[in-house]
Amino acid sequence: MSKRQYTAEFKAKVVLEILRGEEELGAIALKYQINPNLLRTWRATFLEKAPSLFEESRAAKQAAEQVREAADREAAMLKTIGQLTLERDFLMAEAHERNRKVPLRRD
């Protein structure tokens, strides 16, 4: 006989039902045919990790800000590369016109 596996959504639903307090834990365990000790473990895990939900949103905001900053730096570098490429092409064309010894390079 293999162990039953429960989805995170199911666990959250059952734990919220426990926390509402409309039914006793034993009745909920009987209703879903789950060991009451397992439900106590789920409830403890849920309550332990609940504060981290708000911290993760702060971390997500910080990560998004870092991504935005990196994108801004990349855009600035690409703009600089474009300007330098135009300047190089212009100077190479000028040099080629002046002394015809410098090979015209276009990448």
PDB file of N, CA and C in Angstrom:
ATOM      1  N   MET A   1       0.838  -1.176   0.000  1.00  0.00           N
ATOM      2  CA  MET A   1       0.000   0.000   0.000  1.00  0.00           C
ATOM      3  C   MET A   1       0.889   1.247   0.000  1.00  0.00           C
ATOM      4  N   SER A   2       0.670   2.131  -0.948  1.00  0.00           N
ATOM      5  CA  SER A   2       1.510   3.321  -1.047  1.00  0.00           C
ATOM      6  C   SER A   2       0.913   4.462  -0.234  1.00  0.00           C
ATOM      7  N   LYS A   3       1.787   5.401   0.107  1.00  0.00           N
ATOM      8  CA  LYS A   3       1.344   6.563   0.870  1.00  0.00           C
ATOM      9  C   LYS A   3       0.520   7.481  -0.026  1.00  0.00           C
ATOM     10  N   ARG A   4      -0.532   8.054   0.546  1.00  0.00           N
ATOM     11  CA  ARG A   4      -1.304   9.030  -0.212  1.00  0.00           C
ATOM     12  C   ARG A   4      -0.539  10.339  -0.210  1.00  0.00           C
ATOM     13  N   GLN A   5      -0.576  11.016  -1.321  1.00  0.00           N
ATOM     14  CA  GLN A   5       0.070  12.318  -1.413  1.00  0.00           C
ATOM     15  C   GLN A   5      -1.002  13.369  -1.623  1.00  0.00           C
ATOM     16  N   TYR A   6      -0.835  14.488  -0.947  1.00  0.00           N
ATOM     17  CA  TYR A   6      -1.815  15.553  -0.997  1.00  0.00           C
ATOM     18  C   TYR A   6      -1.192  16.790  -1.634  1.00  0.00           C
ATOM     19  N   THR A   7      -1.984  17.495  -2.414  1.00  0.00           N
ATOM     20  CA  THR A   7      -1.492  18.721  -3.035  1.00  0.00           C
ATOM     21  C   THR A   7      -1.422  19.828  -1.995  1.00  0.00           C
ATOM     22  N   ALA A   8      -0.627  20.824  -2.302  1.00  0.00           N
ATOM     23  CA  ALA A   8      -0.507  21.974  -1.405  1.00  0.00           C
ATOM     24  C   ALA A   8      -1.855  22.688  -1.274  1.00  0.00           C
ATOM     25  N   GLU A   9      -2.610  22.744  -2.356  1.00  0.00           N
ATOM     26  CA  GLU A   9      -3.918  23.397  -2.314  1.00  0.00           C
ATOM     27  C   GLU A   9      -4.862  22.665  -1.356  1.00  0.00           C
ATOM     28  N   PHE A  10      -4.846  21.342  -1.412  1.00  0.00           N
ATOM     29  CA  PHE A  10      -5.700  20.554  -0.533  1.00  0.00           C
ATOM     30  C   PHE A  10      -5.308  20.759   0.921  1.00  0.00           C
ATOM     31  N   LYS A  11      -4.009  20.726   1.184  1.00  0.00           N
ATOM     32  CA  LYS A  11      -3.529  20.922   2.558  1.00  0.00           C
ATOM     33  C   LYS A  11      -3.956  22.286   3.086  1.00  0.00           C
ATOM     34  N   ALA A  12      -3.800  23.315   2.264  1.00  0.00           N
ATOM     35  CA  ALA A  12      -4.180  24.665   2.688  1.00  0.00           C
ATOM     36  C   ALA A  12      -5.677  24.736   2.964  1.00  0.00           C
ATOM     37  N   LYS A  13      -6.465  24.111   2.109  1.00  0.00           N
ATOM     38  CA  LYS A  13      -7.920  24.104   2.301  1.00  0.00           C
ATOM     39  C   LYS A  13      -8.287  23.460   3.636  1.00  0.00           C
ATOM     40  N   VAL A  14      -7.692  22.318   3.929  1.00  0.00           N
ATOM     41  CA  VAL A  14      -8.003  21.599   5.165  1.00  0.00           C
ATOM     42  C   VAL A  14      -7.523  22.391   6.388  1.00  0.00           C
ATOM     43  N   VAL A  15      -6.324  22.964   6.318  1.00  0.00           N
ATOM     44  CA  VAL A  15      -5.796  23.736   7.447  1.00  0.00           C
ATOM     45  C   VAL A  15      -6.669  24.964   7.704  1.00  0.00           C
ATOM     46  N   LEU A  16      -7.099  25.630   6.653  1.00  0.00           N
ATOM     47  CA  LEU A  16      -7.981  26.786   6.848  1.00  0.00           C
ATOM     48  C   LEU A  16      -9.303  26.367   7.477  1.00  0.00           C
ATOM     49  N   GLU A  17      -9.776  25.195   7.106  1.00  0.00           N
ATOM     50  CA  GLU A  17     -10.994  24.655   7.707  1.00  0.00           C
ATOM     51  C   GLU A  17     -10.774  24.401   9.208  1.00  0.00           C
ATOM     52  N   ILE A  18      -9.604  23.899   9.550  1.00  0.00           N
ATOM     53  CA  ILE A  18      -9.262  23.661  10.957  1.00  0.00           C
ATOM     54  C   ILE A  18      -9.204  24.988  11.712  1.00  0.00           C
ATOM     55  N   LEU A  19      -8.563  25.976  11.104  1.00  0.00           N
ATOM     56  CA  LEU A  19      -8.389  27.269  11.770  1.00  0.00           C
ATOM     57  C   LEU A  19      -9.702  28.023  11.935  1.00  0.00           C
ATOM     58  N   ARG A  20     -10.655  27.798  11.044  1.00  0.00           N
ATOM     59  CA  ARG A  20     -11.962  28.439  11.193  1.00  0.00           C
ATOM     60  C   ARG A  20     -12.647  27.995  12.483  1.00  0.00           C
ATOM     61  N   GLY A  21     -12.372  26.757  12.889  1.00  0.00           N
ATOM     62  CA  GLY A  21     -12.902  26.251  14.148  1.00  0.00           C
ATOM     63  C   GLY A  21     -14.372  25.881  14.123  1.00  0.00           C
ATOM     64  N   GLU A  22     -14.945  25.755  12.950  1.00  0.00           N
ATOM     65  CA  GLU A  22     -16.361  25.384  12.860  1.00  0.00           C
ATOM     66  C   GLU A  22     -16.577  23.917  13.229  1.00  0.00           C
ATOM     67  N   GLU A  23     -15.549  23.109  12.976  1.00  0.00           N
ATOM     68  CA  GLU A  23     -15.597  21.685  13.342  1.00  0.00           C
ATOM     69  C   GLU A  23     -14.340  21.366  14.141  1.00  0.00           C
ATOM     70  N   GLU A  24     -14.429  20.327  14.933  1.00  0.00           N
ATOM     71  CA  GLU A  24     -13.252  19.897  15.682  1.00  0.00           C
ATOM     72  C   GLU A  24     -12.280  19.190  14.743  1.00  0.00           C
ATOM     73  N   LEU A  25     -11.030  19.187  15.150  1.00  0.00           N
ATOM     74  CA  LEU A  25      -9.983  18.570  14.343  1.00  0.00           C
ATOM     75  C   LEU A  25     -10.308  17.101  14.061  1.00  0.00           C
ATOM     76  N   GLY A  26     -10.792  16.385  15.066  1.00  0.00           N
ATOM     77  CA  GLY A  26     -11.130  14.968  14.886  1.00  0.00           C
ATOM     78  C   GLY A  26     -12.213  14.760  13.844  1.00  0.00           C
ATOM     79  N   ALA A  27     -13.197  15.658  13.809  1.00  0.00           N
ATOM     80  CA  ALA A  27     -14.271  15.550  12.829  1.00  0.00           C
ATOM     81  C   ALA A  27     -13.752  15.811  11.418  1.00  0.00           C
ATOM     82  N   ILE A  28     -12.859  16.765  11.302  1.00  0.00           N
ATOM     83  CA  ILE A  28     -12.266  17.064   9.990  1.00  0.00           C
ATOM     84  C   ILE A  28     -11.402  15.896   9.538  1.00  0.00           C
ATOM     85  N   ALA A  29     -10.642  15.315  10.465  1.00  0.00           N
ATOM     86  CA  ALA A  29      -9.803  14.154  10.139  1.00  0.00           C
ATOM     87  C   ALA A  29     -10.674  13.006   9.647  1.00  0.00           C
ATOM     88  N   LEU A  30     -11.796  12.783  10.298  1.00  0.00           N
ATOM     89  CA  LEU A  30     -12.716  11.715   9.907  1.00  0.00           C
ATOM     90  C   LEU A  30     -13.348  12.018   8.549  1.00  0.00           C
ATOM     91  N   LYS A  31     -13.710  13.261   8.353  1.00  0.00           N
ATOM     92  CA  LYS A  31     -14.334  13.698   7.101  1.00  0.00           C
ATOM     93  C   LYS A  31     -13.424  13.418   5.897  1.00  0.00           C
ATOM     94  N   TYR A  32     -12.131  13.715   6.041  1.00  0.00           N
ATOM     95  CA  TYR A  32     -11.183  13.522   4.934  1.00  0.00           C
ATOM     96  C   TYR A  32     -10.403  12.215   5.045  1.00  0.00           C
ATOM     97  N   GLN A  33     -10.664  11.439   6.076  1.00  0.00           N
ATOM     98  CA  GLN A  33      -9.966  10.171   6.325  1.00  0.00           C
ATOM     99  C   GLN A  33      -8.459  10.364   6.383  1.00  0.00           C
ATOM    100  N   ILE A  34      -8.076  11.323   7.219  1.00  0.00           N
ATOM    101  CA  ILE A  34      -6.660  11.648   7.413  1.00  0.00           C
ATOM    102  C   ILE A  34      -6.371  11.557   8.905  1.00  0.00           C
ATOM    103  N   ASN A  35      -5.208  11.045   9.248  1.00  0.00           N
ATOM    104  CA  ASN A  35      -4.798  10.915  10.642  1.00  0.00           C
ATOM    105  C   ASN A  35      -4.769  12.299  11.296  1.00  0.00           C
ATOM    106  N   PRO A  36      -5.378  12.458  12.467  1.00  0.00           N
ATOM    107  CA  PRO A  36      -5.386  13.756  13.154  1.00  0.00           C
ATOM    108  C   PRO A  36      -3.986  14.308  13.435  1.00  0.00           C
ATOM    109  N   ASN A  37      -3.026  13.413  13.689  1.00  0.00           N
ATOM    110  CA  ASN A  37      -1.650  13.883  13.923  1.00  0.00           C
ATOM    111  C   ASN A  37      -1.070  14.546  12.677  1.00  0.00           C
ATOM    112  N   LEU A  38      -1.425  14.015  11.511  1.00  0.00           N
ATOM    113  CA  LEU A  38      -0.957  14.614  10.264  1.00  0.00           C
ATOM    114  C   LEU A  38      -1.567  16.008  10.105  1.00  0.00           C
ATOM    115  N   LEU A  39      -2.833  16.141  10.450  1.00  0.00           N
ATOM    116  CA  LEU A  39      -3.484  17.454  10.375  1.00  0.00           C
ATOM    117  C   LEU A  39      -2.836  18.444  11.342  1.00  0.00           C
ATOM    118  N   ARG A  40      -2.463  17.972  12.522  1.00  0.00           N
ATOM    119  CA  ARG A  40      -1.778  18.851  13.487  1.00  0.00           C
ATOM    120  C   ARG A  40      -0.431  19.310  12.913  1.00  0.00           C
ATOM    121  N   THR A  41       0.256  18.408  12.231  1.00  0.00           N
ATOM    122  CA  THR A  41       1.544  18.750  11.609  1.00  0.00           C
ATOM    123  C   THR A  41       1.337  19.792  10.514  1.00  0.00           C
ATOM    124  N   TRP A  42       0.315  19.593   9.685  1.00  0.00           N
ATOM    125  CA  TRP A  42       0.022  20.562   8.625  1.00  0.00           C
ATOM    126  C   TRP A  42      -0.289  21.931   9.218  1.00  0.00           C
ATOM    127  N   ARG A  43      -1.102  21.945  10.277  1.00  0.00           N
ATOM    128  CA  ARG A  43      -1.482  23.208  10.905  1.00  0.00           C
ATOM    129  C   ARG A  43      -0.239  23.904  11.468  1.00  0.00           C
ATOM    130  N   ALA A  44       0.623  23.161  12.147  1.00  0.00           N
ATOM    131  CA  ALA A  44       1.840  23.745  12.726  1.00  0.00           C
ATOM    132  C   ALA A  44       2.745  24.306  11.630  1.00  0.00           C
ATOM    133  N   THR A  45       2.898  23.563  10.549  1.00  0.00           N
ATOM    134  CA  THR A  45       3.728  24.022   9.428  1.00  0.00           C
ATOM    135  C   THR A  45       3.145  25.289   8.824  1.00  0.00           C
ATOM    136  N   PHE A  46       1.832  25.291   8.637  1.00  0.00           N
ATOM    137  CA  PHE A  46       1.151  26.452   8.076  1.00  0.00           C
ATOM    138  C   PHE A  46       1.380  27.689   8.950  1.00  0.00           C
ATOM    139  N   LEU A  47       1.165  27.543  10.243  1.00  0.00           N
ATOM    140  CA  LEU A  47       1.320  28.679  11.146  1.00  0.00           C
ATOM    141  C   LEU A  47       2.771  29.138  11.255  1.00  0.00           C
ATOM    142  N   GLU A  48       3.691  28.198  11.152  1.00  0.00           N
ATOM    143  CA  GLU A  48       5.116  28.529  11.216  1.00  0.00           C
ATOM    144  C   GLU A  48       5.552  29.323   9.988  1.00  0.00           C
ATOM    145  N   LYS A  49       5.023  28.942   8.838  1.00  0.00           N
ATOM    146  CA  LYS A  49       5.471  29.574   7.592  1.00  0.00           C
ATOM    147  C   LYS A  49       4.631  30.775   7.176  1.00  0.00           C
ATOM    148  N   ALA A  50       3.528  31.029   7.825  1.00  0.00           N
ATOM    149  CA  ALA A  50       2.649  32.138   7.446  1.00  0.00           C
ATOM    150  C   ALA A  50       3.370  33.492   7.413  1.00  0.00           C
ATOM    151  N   PRO A  51       4.184  33.845   8.415  1.00  0.00           N
ATOM    152  CA  PRO A  51       4.867  35.145   8.363  1.00  0.00           C
ATOM    153  C   PRO A  51       5.807  35.292   7.164  1.00  0.00           C
ATOM    154  N   SER A  52       6.370  34.186   6.712  1.00  0.00           N
ATOM    155  CA  SER A  52       7.316  34.266   5.590  1.00  0.00           C
ATOM    156  C   SER A  52       6.632  34.650   4.282  1.00  0.00           C
ATOM    157  N   LEU A  53       5.328  34.487   4.201  1.00  0.00           N
ATOM    158  CA  LEU A  53       4.609  34.901   2.999  1.00  0.00           C
ATOM    159  C   LEU A  53       4.783  36.388   2.754  1.00  0.00           C
ATOM    160  N   PHE A  54       4.764  37.172   3.822  1.00  0.00           N
ATOM    161  CA  PHE A  54       4.913  38.608   3.693  1.00  0.00           C
ATOM    162  C   PHE A  54       6.359  38.997   3.441  1.00  0.00           C
ATOM    163  N   GLU A  55       7.294  38.250   3.994  1.00  0.00           N
ATOM    164  CA  GLU A  55       8.706  38.509   3.750  1.00  0.00           C
ATOM    165  C   GLU A  55       9.063  38.190   2.312  1.00  0.00           C
ATOM    166  N   GLU A  56       8.471  37.127   1.773  1.00  0.00           N
ATOM    167  CA  GLU A  56       8.759  36.749   0.394  1.00  0.00           C
ATOM    168  C   GLU A  56       8.293  37.822  -0.566  1.00  0.00           C
ATOM    169  N   SER A  57       7.184  38.480  -0.259  1.00  0.00           N
ATOM    170  CA  SER A  57       6.730  39.528  -1.160  1.00  0.00           C
ATOM    171  C   SER A  57       7.733  40.683  -1.151  1.00  0.00           C
ATOM    172  N   ARG A  58       8.334  40.953   0.014  1.00  0.00           N
ATOM    173  CA  ARG A  58       9.364  41.986   0.080  1.00  0.00           C
ATOM    174  C   ARG A  58      10.579  41.553  -0.728  1.00  0.00           C
ATOM    175  N   ALA A  59      10.956  40.292  -0.602  1.00  0.00           N
ATOM    176  CA  ALA A  59      12.097  39.776  -1.360  1.00  0.00           C
ATOM    177  C   ALA A  59      11.796  39.805  -2.854  1.00  0.00           C
ATOM    178  N   ALA A  60      10.557  39.505  -3.214  1.00  0.00           N
ATOM    179  CA  ALA A  60      10.176  39.537  -4.629  1.00  0.00           C
ATOM    180  C   ALA A  60      10.268  40.959  -5.179  1.00  0.00           C
ATOM    181  N   LYS A  61       9.861  41.943  -4.374  1.00  0.00           N
ATOM    182  CA  LYS A  61       9.963  43.339  -4.802  1.00  0.00           C
ATOM    183  C   LYS A  61      11.420  43.731  -5.004  1.00  0.00           C
ATOM    184  N   GLN A  62      12.285  43.302  -4.079  1.00  0.00           N
ATOM    185  CA  GLN A  62      13.707  43.614  -4.200  1.00  0.00           C
ATOM    186  C   GLN A  62      14.292  42.963  -5.448  1.00  0.00           C
ATOM    187  N   ALA A  63      13.895  41.725  -5.715  1.00  0.00           N
ATOM    188  CA  ALA A  63      14.392  41.028  -6.901  1.00  0.00           C
ATOM    189  C   ALA A  63      13.923  41.728  -8.170  1.00  0.00           C
ATOM    190  N   ALA A  64      12.664  42.156  -8.184  1.00  0.00           N
ATOM    191  CA  ALA A  64      12.131  42.863  -9.349  1.00  0.00           C
ATOM    192  C   ALA A  64      12.873  44.179  -9.561  1.00  0.00           C
ATOM    193  N   GLU A  65      13.192  44.872  -8.474  1.00  0.00           N
ATOM    194  CA  GLU A  65      13.943  46.121  -8.571  1.00  0.00           C
ATOM    195  C   GLU A  65      15.343  45.872  -9.139  1.00  0.00           C
ATOM    196  N   GLN A  66      15.985  44.790  -8.694  1.00  0.00           N
ATOM    197  CA  GLN A  66      17.310  44.452  -9.224  1.00  0.00           C
ATOM    198  C   GLN A  66      17.242  44.129 -10.707  1.00  0.00           C
ATOM    199  N   VAL A  67      16.186  43.448 -11.125  1.00  0.00           N
ATOM    200  CA  VAL A  67      16.021  43.127 -12.549  1.00  0.00           C
ATOM    201  C   VAL A  67      15.838  44.413 -13.348  1.00  0.00           C
ATOM    202  N   ARG A  68      15.023  45.342 -12.821  1.00  0.00           N
ATOM    203  CA  ARG A  68      14.817  46.627 -13.506  1.00  0.00           C
ATOM    204  C   ARG A  68      16.124  47.396 -13.629  1.00  0.00           C
ATOM    205  N   GLU A  69      16.901  47.433 -12.538  1.00  0.00           N
ATOM    206  CA  GLU A  69      18.180  48.135 -12.573  1.00  0.00           C
ATOM    207  C   GLU A  69      19.130  47.508 -13.585  1.00  0.00           C
ATOM    208  N   ALA A  70      19.165  46.187 -13.639  1.00  0.00           N
ATOM    209  CA  ALA A  70      20.025  45.500 -14.603  1.00  0.00           C
ATOM    210  C   ALA A  70      19.583  45.809 -16.030  1.00  0.00           C
ATOM    211  N   ALA A  71      18.275  45.855 -16.261  1.00  0.00           N
ATOM    212  CA  ALA A  71      17.758  46.175 -17.597  1.00  0.00           C
ATOM    213  C   ALA A  71      18.118  47.609 -17.974  1.00  0.00           C
ATOM    214  N   ASP A  72      18.052  48.524 -17.012  1.00  0.00           N
ATOM    215  CA  ASP A  72      18.426  49.918 -17.279  1.00  0.00           C
ATOM    216  C   ASP A  72      19.911  50.025 -17.618  1.00  0.00           C
ATOM    217  N   ARG A  73      20.753  49.306 -16.860  1.00  0.00           N
ATOM    218  CA  ARG A  73      22.196  49.320 -17.147  1.00  0.00           C
ATOM    219  C   ARG A  73      22.478  48.741 -18.523  1.00  0.00           C
ATOM    220  N   GLU A  74      21.777  47.656 -18.863  1.00  0.00           N
ATOM    221  CA  GLU A  74      21.969  47.036 -20.174  1.00  0.00           C
ATOM    222  C   GLU A  74      21.558  47.990 -21.286  1.00  0.00           C
ATOM    223  N   ALA A  75      20.435  48.673 -21.102  1.00  0.00           N
ATOM    224  CA  ALA A  75      19.973  49.631 -22.114  1.00  0.00           C
ATOM    225  C   ALA A  75      20.989  50.752 -22.296  1.00  0.00           C
ATOM    226  N   ALA A  76      21.545  51.240 -21.186  1.00  0.00           N
ATOM    227  CA  ALA A  76      22.547  52.303 -21.261  1.00  0.00           C
ATOM    228  C   ALA A  76      23.802  51.814 -21.982  1.00  0.00           C
ATOM    229  N   MET A  77      24.226  50.590 -21.690  1.00  0.00           N
ATOM    230  CA  MET A  77      25.410  50.041 -22.362  1.00  0.00           C
ATOM    231  C   MET A  77      25.160  49.852 -23.856  1.00  0.00           C
ATOM    232  N   LEU A  78      23.974  49.362 -24.217  1.00  0.00           N
ATOM    233  CA  LEU A  78      23.657  49.183 -25.637  1.00  0.00           C
ATOM    234  C   LEU A  78      23.622  50.524 -26.368  1.00  0.00           C
ATOM    235  N   LYS A  79      23.120  51.546 -25.694  1.00  0.00           N
ATOM    236  CA  LYS A  79      23.102  52.884 -26.293  1.00  0.00           C
ATOM    237  C   LYS A  79      24.533  53.367 -26.530  1.00  0.00           C
ATOM    238  N   THR A  80      25.390  53.168 -25.538  1.00  0.00           N
ATOM    239  CA  THR A  80      26.793  53.571 -25.664  1.00  0.00           C
ATOM    240  C   THR A  80      27.482  52.793 -26.781  1.00  0.00           C
ATOM    241  N   ILE A  81      27.215  51.497 -26.858  1.00  0.00           N
ATOM    242  CA  ILE A  81      27.803  50.670 -27.917  1.00  0.00           C
ATOM    243  C   ILE A  81      27.360  51.178 -29.285  1.00  0.00           C
ATOM    244  N   GLY A  82      26.090  51.509 -29.395  1.00  0.00           N
ATOM    245  CA  GLY A  82      25.581  52.037 -30.671  1.00  0.00           C
ATOM    246  C   GLY A  82      26.259  53.334 -31.049  1.00  0.00           C
ATOM    247  N   GLN A  83      26.416  54.243 -30.090  1.00  0.00           N
ATOM    248  CA  GLN A  83      27.078  55.517 -30.365  1.00  0.00           C
ATOM    249  C   GLN A  83      28.529  55.300 -30.777  1.00  0.00           C
ATOM    250  N   LEU A  84      29.222  54.433 -30.059  1.00  0.00           N
ATOM    251  CA  LEU A  84      30.625  54.170 -30.381  1.00  0.00           C
ATOM    252  C   LEU A  84      30.769  53.524 -31.755  1.00  0.00           C
ATOM    253  N   THR A  85      29.834  52.643 -32.099  1.00  0.00           N
ATOM    254  CA  THR A  85      29.869  51.997 -33.418  1.00  0.00           C
ATOM    255  C   THR A  85      29.692  53.044 -34.519  1.00  0.00           C
ATOM    256  N   LEU A  86      28.751  53.950 -34.334  1.00  0.00           N
ATOM    257  CA  LEU A  86      28.544  55.018 -35.323  1.00  0.00           C
ATOM    258  C   LEU A  86      29.776  55.891 -35.454  1.00  0.00           C
ATOM    259  N   GLU A  87      30.378  56.257 -34.313  1.00  0.00           N
ATOM    260  CA  GLU A  87      31.586  57.080 -34.342  1.00  0.00           C
ATOM    261  C   GLU A  87      32.718  56.353 -35.044  1.00  0.00           C
ATOM    262  N   ARG A  88      32.900  55.077 -34.752  1.00  0.00           N
ATOM    263  CA  ARG A  88      33.960  54.301 -35.391  1.00  0.00           C
ATOM    264  C   ARG A  88      33.747  54.238 -36.896  1.00  0.00           C
ATOM    265  N   ASP A  89      32.521  53.942 -37.306  1.00  0.00           N
ATOM    266  CA  ASP A  89      32.233  53.851 -38.740  1.00  0.00           C
ATOM    267  C   ASP A  89      32.482  55.188 -39.429  1.00  0.00           C
ATOM    268  N   PHE A  90      32.069  56.249 -38.774  1.00  0.00           N
ATOM    269  CA  PHE A  90      32.280  57.575 -39.351  1.00  0.00           C
ATOM    270  C   PHE A  90      33.765  57.869 -39.484  1.00  0.00           C
ATOM    271  N   LEU A  91      34.529  57.617 -38.414  1.00  0.00           N
ATOM    272  CA  LEU A  91      35.967  57.885 -38.454  1.00  0.00           C
ATOM    273  C   LEU A  91      36.695  56.990 -39.447  1.00  0.00           C
ATOM    274  N   MET A  92      36.253  55.741 -39.557  1.00  0.00           N
ATOM    275  CA  MET A  92      36.884  54.838 -40.538  1.00  0.00           C
ATOM    276  C   MET A  92      36.599  55.330 -41.957  1.00  0.00           C
ATOM    277  N   ALA A  93      35.397  55.799 -42.213  1.00  0.00           N
ATOM    278  CA  ALA A  93      35.052  56.307 -43.539  1.00  0.00           C
ATOM    279  C   ALA A  93      35.867  57.565 -43.840  1.00  0.00           C
ATOM    280  N   GLU A  94      36.017  58.437 -42.842  1.00  0.00           N
ATOM    281  CA  GLU A  94      36.813  59.651 -43.023  1.00  0.00           C
ATOM    282  C   GLU A  94      38.271  59.294 -43.313  1.00  0.00           C
ATOM    283  N   ALA A  95      38.813  58.380 -42.548  1.00  0.00           N
ATOM    284  CA  ALA A  95      40.209  57.977 -42.743  1.00  0.00           C
ATOM    285  C   ALA A  95      40.386  57.348 -44.126  1.00  0.00           C
ATOM    286  N   HIS A  96      39.428  56.562 -44.533  1.00  0.00           N
ATOM    287  CA  HIS A  96      39.495  55.920 -45.841  1.00  0.00           C
ATOM    288  C   HIS A  96      39.454  56.956 -46.956  1.00  0.00           C
ATOM    289  N   GLU A  97      38.621  57.956 -46.775  1.00  0.00           N
ATOM    290  CA  GLU A  97      38.525  59.026 -47.769  1.00  0.00           C
ATOM    291  C   GLU A  97      39.830  59.810 -47.843  1.00  0.00           C
ATOM    292  N   ARG A  98      40.454  60.056 -46.717  1.00  0.00           N
ATOM    293  CA  ARG A  98      41.645  60.909 -46.681  1.00  0.00           C
ATOM    294  C   ARG A  98      42.883  60.234 -47.266  1.00  0.00           C
ATOM    295  N   ASN A  99      43.127  59.007 -46.909  1.00  0.00           N
ATOM    296  CA  ASN A  99      44.383  58.430 -47.376  1.00  0.00           C
ATOM    297  C   ASN A  99      44.218  57.086 -48.063  1.00  0.00           C
ATOM    298  N   ARG A 100      43.063  56.614 -48.256  1.00  0.00           N
ATOM    299  CA  ARG A 100      42.782  55.394 -49.008  1.00  0.00           C
ATOM    300  C   ARG A 100      43.648  54.196 -48.611  1.00  0.00           C
ATOM    301  N   LYS A 101      44.442  54.330 -47.545  1.00  0.00           N
ATOM    302  CA  LYS A 101      45.283  53.213 -47.093  1.00  0.00           C
ATOM    303  C   LYS A 101      44.610  52.430 -45.984  1.00  0.00           C
ATOM    304  N   VAL A 102      43.718  53.050 -45.282  1.00  0.00           N
ATOM    305  CA  VAL A 102      43.061  52.388 -44.173  1.00  0.00           C
ATOM    306  C   VAL A 102      41.880  51.580 -44.736  1.00  0.00           C
ATOM    307  N   PRO A 103      41.868  50.299 -44.507  1.00  0.00           N
ATOM    308  CA  PRO A 103      40.744  49.499 -45.050  1.00  0.00           C
ATOM    309  C   PRO A 103      39.435  49.866 -44.359  1.00  0.00           C
ATOM    310  N   LEU A 104      38.389  49.941 -45.144  1.00  0.00           N
ATOM    311  CA  LEU A 104      37.075  50.263 -44.623  1.00  0.00           C
ATOM    312  C   LEU A 104      36.489  49.031 -43.997  1.00  0.00           C
ATOM    313  N   ARG A 105      36.241  49.097 -42.698  1.00  0.00           N
ATOM    314  CA  ARG A 105      35.754  47.939 -41.950  1.00  0.00           C
ATOM    315  C   ARG A 105      34.335  48.193 -41.495  1.00  0.00           C
ATOM    316  N   ARG A 106      33.448  47.294 -41.840  1.00  0.00           N
ATOM    317  CA  ARG A 106      32.061  47.392 -41.358  1.00  0.00           C
ATOM    318  C   ARG A 106      31.663  46.035 -40.834  1.00  0.00           C
ATOM    319  N   ASP A 107      31.404  45.965 -39.542  1.00  0.00           N
ATOM    320  CA  ASP A 107      31.034  44.686 -38.921  1.00  0.00           C
ATOM    321  C   ASP A 107      29.560  44.534 -38.826  1.00  0.00           C
TER     322      ASP A 107
END
